[in-house]
Amino acid sequence: MAHTPFGYQIENGKVVINKEELKQLQHLFQAYLSGLSLENAAKEAGIKRNHGGITRILTDERYLGTDIFPTLISKELFEKVKIERYKRAKKLGRLNKKKEETPFEIPTFTIPTIDIKHDNPYKQAEYVYSLIESVVT
């Protein structure tokens, strides 16, 4: 395992609950639901992570329990935080709205017949580029 998620530790090759981090994790979820910002909820819980790290913690479904990871957070609490995150994002206008796609046209160029052949490839390229007459849109 490259990284053990916050709240867990490895003992004898198995993932087990880190009791100290479990308390901090549960405090984080409750503090966030009480209305604190991600940063303030983390500070109150004693977790030193950046904004993205706290977001990953609050959205990590492994805390609900899997075959490998023991359950740390109830489904009910996890869903409440999920709903609260959505409400806050909506209020702040941070929902990923689809932007209108603007049509993109590939420009085309017209070049008359190439009459001169240069031995030097740079001279040949310079000559061919000089023949470009217009961009057709």
Protein backbone atom coordinates (compact mmCIF):
# COMPACT_ATOMS: atom_id res chain seq x y z
CA MET A 1 0.00 0.00 0.00
CA ALA A 2 1.58 3.28 -1.12
CA HIS A 3 -0.21 5.44 1.44
CA THR A 4 -2.26 4.50 4.45
CA PRO A 5 -5.34 6.75 4.70
CA PHE A 6 -5.73 8.99 7.74
CA GLY A 7 -7.36 7.02 10.56
CA TYR A 8 -5.71 3.71 9.71
CA GLN A 9 -2.37 2.07 10.30
CA ILE A 10 -0.73 -1.19 9.26
CA GLU A 11 -0.06 -3.83 11.93
CA ASN A 12 1.22 -7.30 11.04
CA GLY A 13 0.37 -6.68 7.39
CA LYS A 14 -3.26 -5.75 8.10
CA VAL A 15 -5.07 -2.42 8.08
CA VAL A 16 -6.27 -1.52 11.57
CA ILE A 17 -7.83 1.55 13.15
CA ASN A 18 -5.53 4.22 14.56
CA LYS A 19 -7.54 5.16 17.66
CA GLU A 20 -6.08 8.65 18.05
CA GLU A 21 -6.67 9.53 14.40
CA LEU A 22 -10.16 7.99 14.58
CA LYS A 23 -11.13 10.53 17.27
CA GLN A 24 -9.70 13.34 15.15
CA LEU A 25 -11.52 12.05 12.07
CA GLN A 26 -14.87 11.86 13.81
CA HIS A 27 -14.30 15.32 15.31
CA LEU A 28 -13.51 16.66 11.82
CA PHE A 29 -16.78 15.34 10.39
CA GLN A 30 -18.80 16.78 13.30
CA ALA A 31 -16.99 20.14 13.23
CA TYR A 32 -17.61 20.49 9.50
CA LEU A 33 -21.30 19.71 9.98
CA SER A 34 -21.48 22.29 12.76
CA GLY A 35 -20.72 24.96 10.17
CA LEU A 36 -16.96 25.36 10.38
CA SER A 37 -14.92 25.76 7.21
CA LEU A 38 -12.69 22.92 6.06
CA GLU A 39 -9.63 24.66 7.47
CA ASN A 40 -11.21 25.53 10.82
CA ALA A 41 -12.80 22.11 11.22
CA ALA A 42 -9.41 20.50 10.61
CA LYS A 43 -7.69 22.84 13.09
CA GLU A 44 -10.30 22.09 15.73
CA ALA A 45 -9.88 18.37 15.13
CA GLY A 46 -6.09 18.69 15.33
CA ILE A 47 -5.51 17.56 11.75
CA LYS A 48 -2.74 19.32 9.87
CA ARG A 49 -3.66 18.99 6.20
CA ASN A 50 -4.25 21.44 3.41
CA HIS A 51 -7.66 22.19 1.89
CA GLY A 52 -7.37 19.41 -0.70
CA GLY A 53 -6.25 16.88 1.90
CA ILE A 54 -9.24 17.63 4.12
CA THR A 55 -11.57 17.38 1.13
CA ARG A 56 -10.11 13.95 0.29
CA ILE A 57 -10.69 12.84 3.87
CA LEU A 58 -14.32 14.01 3.87
CA THR A 59 -15.01 12.24 0.56
CA ASP A 60 -13.05 9.01 1.10
CA GLU A 61 -15.56 6.16 0.94
CA ARG A 62 -13.06 3.74 2.49
CA TYR A 63 -14.12 5.18 5.86
CA LEU A 64 -17.47 3.44 5.33
CA GLY A 65 -15.64 0.10 5.45
CA THR A 66 -14.48 -2.34 2.78
CA ASP A 67 -13.00 -5.83 2.72
CA ILE A 68 -9.65 -4.26 3.62
CA PHE A 69 -10.54 -1.13 5.60
CA PRO A 70 -12.52 -1.26 8.88
CA THR A 71 -15.48 1.12 9.21
CA LEU A 72 -14.61 4.48 10.79
CA ILE A 73 -17.60 6.64 9.84
CA SER A 74 -21.27 5.72 9.69
CA LYS A 75 -23.02 5.90 6.34
CA GLU A 76 -25.46 8.43 7.84
CA LEU A 77 -22.68 10.81 8.95
CA PHE A 78 -20.84 10.42 5.64
CA GLU A 79 -24.02 11.25 3.68
CA LYS A 80 -24.74 14.30 5.88
CA VAL A 81 -21.28 15.67 5.11
CA LYS A 82 -21.77 14.92 1.42
CA ILE A 83 -25.04 16.87 1.40
CA GLU A 84 -23.48 19.75 3.36
CA ARG A 85 -20.55 19.94 0.91
CA TYR A 86 -23.03 20.10 -1.98
CA LYS A 87 -25.08 22.84 -0.27
CA ARG A 88 -21.98 24.94 0.35
CA ALA A 89 -20.68 24.44 -3.17
CA LYS A 90 -24.05 25.42 -4.63
CA LYS A 91 -24.28 28.50 -2.42
CA LEU A 92 -20.81 29.59 -3.53
CA GLY A 93 -21.51 28.82 -7.20
CA ARG A 94 -18.85 26.14 -7.33
CA LEU A 95 -20.80 23.37 -8.95
CA ASN A 96 -19.14 22.21 -12.14
CA LYS A 97 -21.54 23.68 -14.62
CA LYS A 98 -21.01 22.74 -18.23
CA LYS A 99 -19.69 25.62 -20.23
CA GLU A 100 -21.17 26.41 -23.58
CA GLU A 101 -19.04 24.91 -26.26
CA THR A 102 -18.05 27.32 -28.95
CA PRO A 103 -17.71 25.78 -32.38
CA PHE A 104 -14.16 25.54 -33.58
CA GLU A 105 -13.34 25.79 -37.24
CA ILE A 106 -10.06 24.52 -38.53
CA PRO A 107 -8.54 27.16 -40.78
CA THR A 108 -7.51 26.06 -44.26
CA PHE A 109 -4.86 27.61 -46.42
CA THR A 110 -4.51 27.77 -50.16
CA ILE A 111 -1.13 27.36 -51.80
CA PRO A 112 -0.62 27.55 -55.55
CA THR A 113 1.47 24.99 -57.42
CA ILE A 114 5.03 24.76 -56.15
CA ASP A 115 7.24 25.53 -59.16
CA ILE A 116 10.66 25.91 -57.56
CA LYS A 117 12.56 23.12 -55.77
CA HIS A 118 15.42 24.13 -53.45
CA ASP A 119 18.11 21.71 -52.25
CA ASN A 120 18.19 23.47 -48.87
CA PRO A 121 15.09 22.35 -46.87
CA TYR A 122 14.99 25.66 -44.99
CA LYS A 123 14.95 27.62 -48.25
CA GLN A 124 12.26 25.27 -49.60
CA ALA A 125 10.10 25.80 -46.48
CA GLU A 126 10.61 29.56 -46.70
CA TYR A 127 9.56 29.48 -50.36
CA VAL A 128 6.47 27.33 -49.72
CA TYR A 129 5.35 29.52 -46.78
CA SER A 130 5.70 32.58 -48.99
CA LEU A 131 3.17 31.06 -51.39
CA ILE A 132 0.35 30.94 -48.85
CA GLU A 133 -2.29 33.19 -50.34
CA SER A 134 -5.17 33.26 -47.91
CA VAL A 135 -6.93 31.66 -45.00
CA VAL A 136 -10.33 30.25 -45.92
CA THR A 137 -12.80 30.49 -43.02
